[in-house]
Amino acid sequence: MRTYRSFGTICVKGPYNLVFALCDIEYILKEDDSFRYVFKPNYNVIELLDSKYFQGIPGLNLDLKEKEYIRDNMIPTFISERVPMKNREDYNELLELVGMDYMDPIEYLIRTKDKYCGDNLFVVKKIESTTINLIDENSKENNNALIKKILTNLCIGNNVIINNQIINDLNRKIFYDVFIAIYARTYNNNKDLQKKGILEAKAKGNFKGRKPISVDELKFLAILEEVKNKKISPKEAASKLGISIDKYYRLKNKLKSTTVSLQWYKIECNIKKNNRFDGYFLVFSILLLINELNILNSSSS
């Protein structure tokens, strides 16, 4: 008996527009018109999200942690809420809008631009998870760009290799939590600066004024450590950052209560590279720090 199959991945957008690959879905149609839907949740990605962004997949009890949820000859709630049924008057017009001659529910959800109002879930072509070697020692990407790339891969279920350290389902959650916290801090700081700039521009009418000099907070912390160890003076630090000495002290006071650990940069100092503050060294430091914390936790337990 001939069989037709189609595949997709149910996704949702989470914090900072990151796409999370939540569940693979397969539609199987047989020659005798019997059909089956198979849902395969990716629990290791789902656990990265809080309820603000994901409240479940309609019709599936994910608390059961089933490897597969199978529906034979019955249309699952997730499909019936989103895919037009044959008894709709505009059924053929809807198919024509997405360039289809016949109904394949999964392909329809991939193609349609219509959004279901009950949640933020959507379907894309099946995402095949893989293992990627994301960066190397020659990477010149800045901190935020590199961290965003790592997060993007973790959220779609990819394993990531960084300097021979593999991030997979066993440690995906801990690395995600660390990277998203750092990304959020920089993202929010940039937003605050942008908002402040807009307000100042409005107050001055057409005069936009000089744009504030952006300082990478993580780079600033590294240089602050050099000052603390008396390797350079505050004036030299300000010169390195391209800012005034007044702004240097303002930033220093602002960051007194920072939660970003200077330990990362102490680790960096042990790597024999000359003044490299690109994303590679930030990530490498985080890897070492997390491994160090894991060793400490395991030895104390």
Protein backbone atom coordinates (compact mmCIF):
# COMPACT_ATOMS: atom_id res chain seq x y z
CA MET A 1 0.00 0.00 0.00
CA ARG A 2 1.41 3.38 -1.03
CA THR A 3 2.05 5.92 1.70
CA TYR A 4 2.46 9.70 1.61
CA ARG A 5 4.44 11.46 4.34
CA SER A 6 5.12 15.07 5.21
CA PHE A 7 7.20 16.56 8.00
CA GLY A 8 7.51 19.81 9.91
CA THR A 9 8.71 21.30 13.19
CA ILE A 10 6.50 23.21 15.61
CA CYS A 11 8.28 26.34 16.82
CA VAL A 12 7.74 29.40 18.97
CA LYS A 13 9.57 32.69 19.30
CA GLY A 14 11.02 33.24 22.75
CA PRO A 15 13.10 35.99 24.32
CA TYR A 16 14.91 38.32 21.91
CA ASN A 17 13.12 36.70 18.94
CA LEU A 18 15.03 33.45 19.33
CA VAL A 19 13.25 30.57 17.56
CA PHE A 20 12.75 27.43 19.67
CA ALA A 21 12.22 24.11 17.85
CA LEU A 22 9.72 22.46 20.20
CA CYS A 23 8.36 19.40 18.46
CA ASP A 24 8.66 17.48 15.19
CA ILE A 25 5.37 16.57 13.54
CA GLU A 26 4.75 13.94 10.84
CA TYR A 27 1.63 13.36 8.75
CA ILE A 28 1.15 9.91 7.16
CA LEU A 29 -1.59 9.31 4.60
CA LYS A 30 -2.22 5.82 3.22
CA GLU A 31 -3.84 4.74 -0.02
CA ASP A 32 -7.01 3.64 1.78
CA ASP A 33 -7.42 7.19 3.21
CA SER A 34 -6.37 6.15 6.72
CA PHE A 35 -3.98 8.60 8.31
CA ARG A 36 -1.73 9.16 11.30
CA TYR A 37 -0.12 12.12 13.04
CA VAL A 38 3.08 11.64 15.05
CA PHE A 39 4.35 14.33 17.45
CA LYS A 40 7.94 14.06 18.79
CA PRO A 41 8.59 16.75 21.42
CA ASN A 42 12.09 18.09 22.03
CA TYR A 43 11.94 18.27 25.82
CA ASN A 44 15.51 19.53 26.15
CA VAL A 45 14.57 22.64 24.17
CA ILE A 46 11.16 23.01 25.79
CA GLU A 47 12.74 23.22 29.26
CA LEU A 48 14.65 26.34 28.19
CA LEU A 49 11.40 28.32 28.02
CA ASP A 50 9.23 29.70 30.78
CA SER A 51 5.45 29.96 30.67
CA LYS A 52 5.56 33.51 29.37
CA TYR A 53 6.52 32.16 25.95
CA PHE A 54 5.24 28.57 25.93
CA GLN A 55 2.16 27.08 27.58
CA GLY A 56 2.13 23.71 25.82
CA ILE A 57 0.96 22.16 22.55
CA PRO A 58 -2.85 21.92 22.31
CA GLY A 59 -4.08 18.34 22.60
CA LEU A 60 -0.82 16.94 24.02
CA ASN A 61 -0.13 16.28 27.69
CA LEU A 62 3.59 17.01 27.71
CA ASP A 63 3.77 16.25 31.44
CA LEU A 64 3.67 12.56 30.48
CA LYS A 65 7.07 13.01 28.78
CA GLU A 66 6.11 10.56 26.05
CA LYS A 67 8.70 10.08 23.32
CA GLU A 68 5.91 10.13 20.71
CA TYR A 69 2.26 11.18 20.73
CA ILE A 70 0.35 9.30 18.02
CA ARG A 71 -3.12 10.11 16.68
CA ASP A 72 -4.61 7.51 14.30
CA ASN A 73 -7.49 8.51 12.04
CA MET A 74 -8.35 11.51 14.19
CA ILE A 75 -7.43 15.13 13.59
CA PRO A 76 -5.35 16.45 16.52
CA THR A 77 -6.42 19.67 18.23
CA PHE A 78 -3.25 21.40 17.08
CA ILE A 79 -4.24 20.73 13.44
CA SER A 80 -7.99 21.36 13.70
CA GLU A 81 -7.39 24.80 15.24
CA ARG A 82 -5.14 25.91 12.38
CA VAL A 83 -5.98 24.02 9.19
CA PRO A 84 -9.21 24.70 7.26
CA MET A 85 -11.61 21.77 6.97
CA LYS A 86 -13.17 20.67 3.66
CA ASN A 87 -16.61 21.98 4.64
CA ARG A 88 -15.40 25.59 4.63
CA GLU A 89 -16.85 27.65 1.79
CA ASP A 90 -13.50 29.21 1.00
CA TYR A 91 -11.57 25.92 1.31
CA ASN A 92 -10.35 25.86 -2.31
CA GLU A 93 -9.49 29.56 -2.26
CA LEU A 94 -7.34 29.05 0.84
CA LEU A 95 -5.48 26.21 -0.86
CA GLU A 96 -4.95 28.36 -3.93
CA LEU A 97 -3.57 31.19 -1.80
CA VAL A 98 -0.72 28.96 -0.61
CA GLY A 99 -0.15 27.38 -4.04
CA MET A 100 -1.52 23.93 -3.22
CA ASP A 101 -3.78 21.66 -5.30
CA TYR A 102 -4.62 19.31 -2.43
CA MET A 103 -4.55 19.48 1.35
CA ASP A 104 -1.41 18.42 3.14
CA PRO A 105 -1.95 19.83 6.67
CA ILE A 106 1.74 20.11 7.51
CA GLU A 107 2.69 21.75 4.21
CA TYR A 108 -0.28 24.10 4.56
CA LEU A 109 0.93 25.28 7.98
CA ILE A 110 4.43 25.81 6.62
CA ARG A 111 3.16 27.91 3.71
CA THR A 112 0.29 29.91 5.19
CA LYS A 113 0.76 33.45 6.45
CA ASP A 114 -2.36 33.24 8.61
CA LYS A 115 -1.67 33.22 12.35
CA TYR A 116 -3.72 31.32 14.90
CA CYS A 117 -4.91 33.72 17.60
CA GLY A 118 -4.86 31.20 20.45
CA ASP A 119 -1.08 30.94 20.84
CA ASN A 120 2.22 31.87 19.18
CA LEU A 121 3.11 28.46 17.76
CA PHE A 122 4.00 28.10 14.08
CA VAL A 123 5.31 25.37 11.79
CA VAL A 124 8.42 25.37 9.61
CA LYS A 125 10.07 22.76 7.42
CA LYS A 126 11.49 20.01 9.61
CA ILE A 127 14.62 21.18 11.42
CA GLU A 128 17.19 18.41 11.41
CA SER A 129 19.31 18.86 14.51
CA THR A 130 23.02 18.45 14.04
CA THR A 131 26.37 19.07 15.72
CA ILE A 132 28.30 22.12 14.59
CA ASN A 133 31.75 23.43 15.36
CA LEU A 134 30.72 27.02 15.80
CA ILE A 135 33.91 29.02 16.28
CA ASP A 136 37.66 28.76 16.20
CA GLU A 137 40.59 30.75 17.50
CA ASN A 138 40.49 33.05 14.48
CA SER A 139 36.93 34.18 15.12
CA LYS A 140 36.63 38.00 15.01
CA GLU A 141 32.96 38.22 15.95
CA ASN A 142 32.07 40.53 18.82
CA ASN A 143 30.68 39.21 22.08
CA ASN A 144 26.99 39.73 21.43
CA ALA A 145 27.01 38.47 17.84
CA LEU A 146 28.76 35.29 18.86
CA ILE A 147 26.58 34.68 21.89
CA LYS A 148 23.45 35.23 19.75
CA LYS A 149 24.75 32.63 17.28
CA ILE A 150 25.35 30.12 20.08
CA LEU A 151 21.88 30.75 21.53
CA THR A 152 20.26 30.39 18.10
CA ASN A 153 21.75 26.93 17.70
CA LEU A 154 20.97 25.79 21.25
CA CYS A 155 17.32 26.82 20.80
CA ILE A 156 16.78 24.75 17.67
CA GLY A 157 18.29 21.66 19.28
CA ASN A 158 21.75 21.69 17.71
CA ASN A 159 24.76 20.47 19.64
CA VAL A 160 27.55 23.04 19.66
CA ILE A 161 31.28 22.39 19.86
CA ILE A 162 33.40 25.27 21.17
CA ASN A 163 37.11 24.70 21.66
CA ASN A 164 36.56 20.92 22.03
CA GLN A 165 33.82 21.51 24.64
CA ILE A 166 30.50 20.08 23.46
CA ILE A 167 27.18 21.58 24.50
CA ASN A 168 24.42 18.99 24.13
CA ASP A 169 21.24 17.84 25.84
CA LEU A 170 23.17 16.98 29.00
CA ASN A 171 24.30 20.57 29.63
CA ARG A 172 22.16 22.61 27.22
CA LYS A 173 20.14 24.23 30.03
CA ILE A 174 23.08 25.49 32.11
CA PHE A 175 24.86 27.00 29.09
CA TYR A 176 21.64 28.55 27.81
CA ASP A 177 20.99 30.21 31.19
CA VAL A 178 24.50 31.69 31.28
CA PHE A 179 24.53 32.93 27.69
CA ILE A 180 20.99 34.35 27.75
CA ALA A 181 21.79 36.30 30.95
CA ILE A 182 24.86 37.90 29.37
CA TYR A 183 23.05 38.60 26.10
CA ALA A 184 20.08 40.12 27.98
CA ARG A 185 22.33 42.48 29.95
CA THR A 186 24.01 43.90 26.85
CA TYR A 187 20.74 43.98 24.87
CA ASN A 188 18.93 45.89 27.62
CA ASN A 189 21.81 48.32 28.08
CA ASN A 190 21.77 49.08 24.35
CA LYS A 191 18.00 49.58 24.48
CA ASP A 192 18.36 52.00 27.40
CA LEU A 193 20.99 53.99 25.53
CA GLN A 194 18.80 54.06 22.43
CA LYS A 195 15.78 55.24 24.44
CA LYS A 196 17.83 57.92 26.16
CA GLY A 197 19.17 59.09 22.80
CA ILE A 198 15.68 59.33 21.32
CA LEU A 199 14.40 61.35 24.29
CA GLU A 200 17.34 63.73 24.09
CA ALA A 201 16.87 64.14 20.34
CA LYS A 202 13.18 64.95 20.79
CA ALA A 203 13.99 67.51 23.48
CA LYS A 204 16.46 69.23 21.17
CA GLY A 205 14.24 69.18 18.12
CA ASN A 206 16.19 68.55 14.93
CA PHE A 207 19.51 68.68 16.74
CA LYS A 208 20.41 65.08 17.48
CA GLY A 209 23.58 65.84 19.38
CA ARG A 210 26.61 63.64 19.64
CA LYS A 211 25.91 59.94 19.94
CA PRO A 212 27.12 58.49 23.25
CA ILE A 213 30.25 56.40 22.96
CA SER A 214 29.29 52.75 23.32
CA VAL A 215 31.49 50.74 25.66
CA ASP A 216 31.45 46.94 25.69
CA GLU A 217 30.66 46.24 29.33
CA LEU A 218 32.54 42.95 29.35
CA LYS A 219 35.62 44.55 27.83
CA PHE A 220 35.38 47.31 30.41
CA LEU A 221 35.36 44.73 33.21
CA ALA A 222 38.49 43.12 31.81
CA ILE A 223 40.32 46.46 31.70
CA LEU A 224 39.04 47.29 35.17
CA GLU A 225 40.76 44.12 36.36
CA GLU A 226 44.01 45.31 34.80
CA VAL A 227 43.71 48.59 36.74
CA LYS A 228 42.97 46.68 39.92
CA ASN A 229 46.15 44.63 39.43
CA LYS A 230 48.08 47.87 38.77
CA LYS A 231 49.06 46.82 35.26
CA ILE A 232 47.70 50.09 33.85
CA SER A 233 46.49 53.37 35.30
CA PRO A 234 42.86 54.63 35.18
CA LYS A 235 43.95 57.23 32.62
CA GLU A 236 45.49 54.52 30.41
CA ALA A 237 42.33 52.44 30.82
CA ALA A 238 40.17 55.35 29.65
CA SER A 239 42.47 55.84 26.67
CA LYS A 240 42.21 52.14 25.78
CA LEU A 241 38.43 52.37 25.83
CA GLY A 242 38.36 55.62 23.87
CA ILE A 243 36.48 57.50 26.59
CA SER A 244 37.16 60.38 28.96
CA ILE A 245 38.48 59.78 32.46
CA ASP A 246 35.18 61.16 33.84
CA LYS A 247 33.18 58.60 31.88
CA TYR A 248 35.58 55.89 33.05
CA TYR A 249 34.76 56.65 36.69
CA ARG A 250 31.04 56.92 35.96
CA LEU A 251 31.07 53.46 34.39
CA LYS A 252 33.16 52.11 37.23
CA ASN A 253 30.64 53.35 39.80
CA LYS A 254 27.74 52.01 37.75
CA LEU A 255 29.28 48.55 37.60
CA LYS A 256 30.18 48.24 41.26
CA SER A 257 27.20 45.97 41.82
CA THR A 258 27.59 44.01 38.57
CA THR A 259 26.83 40.32 38.65
CA VAL A 260 29.23 39.58 35.81
CA SER A 261 32.14 37.68 37.30
CA LEU A 262 35.64 39.03 36.83
CA GLN A 263 36.77 35.44 37.25
CA TRP A 264 36.16 34.98 33.53
CA TYR A 265 38.84 37.50 32.75
CA LYS A 266 41.28 36.07 35.26
CA ILE A 267 40.94 32.88 33.27
CA GLU A 268 41.46 34.83 30.04
CA CYS A 269 44.71 36.20 31.38
CA ASN A 270 46.03 32.66 31.60
CA ILE A 271 45.48 32.21 27.88
CA LYS A 272 48.59 33.47 26.12
CA LYS A 273 46.97 35.80 23.62
CA ASN A 274 47.57 39.52 23.37
CA ASN A 275 44.63 41.76 24.28
CA ARG A 276 41.97 39.77 22.42
CA PHE A 277 38.50 40.81 23.55
CA ASP A 278 36.57 39.14 20.74
CA GLY A 279 33.74 36.67 21.23
CA TYR A 280 36.01 33.64 21.12
CA PHE A 281 37.79 34.51 24.35
CA LEU A 282 34.60 35.45 26.14
CA VAL A 283 32.99 32.12 25.28
CA PHE A 284 36.14 30.16 26.06
CA SER A 285 36.29 31.81 29.50
CA ILE A 286 32.66 30.96 30.19
CA LEU A 287 33.29 27.32 29.27
CA LEU A 288 36.19 27.10 31.68
CA LEU A 289 34.25 28.84 34.44
CA ILE A 290 31.21 26.57 34.13
CA ASN A 291 33.42 23.49 34.15
CA GLU A 292 35.21 24.85 37.23
CA LEU A 293 31.89 25.45 38.99
CA ASN A 294 30.70 21.94 38.07
CA ILE A 295 33.87 20.47 39.60
CA LEU A 296 33.39 22.52 42.78
CA ASN A 297 29.73 21.50 43.04
CA SER A 298 30.48 17.83 42.52
CA SER A 299 33.30 17.85 45.08
CA SER A 300 31.10 19.50 47.71
CA SER A 301 28.20 17.11 47.23
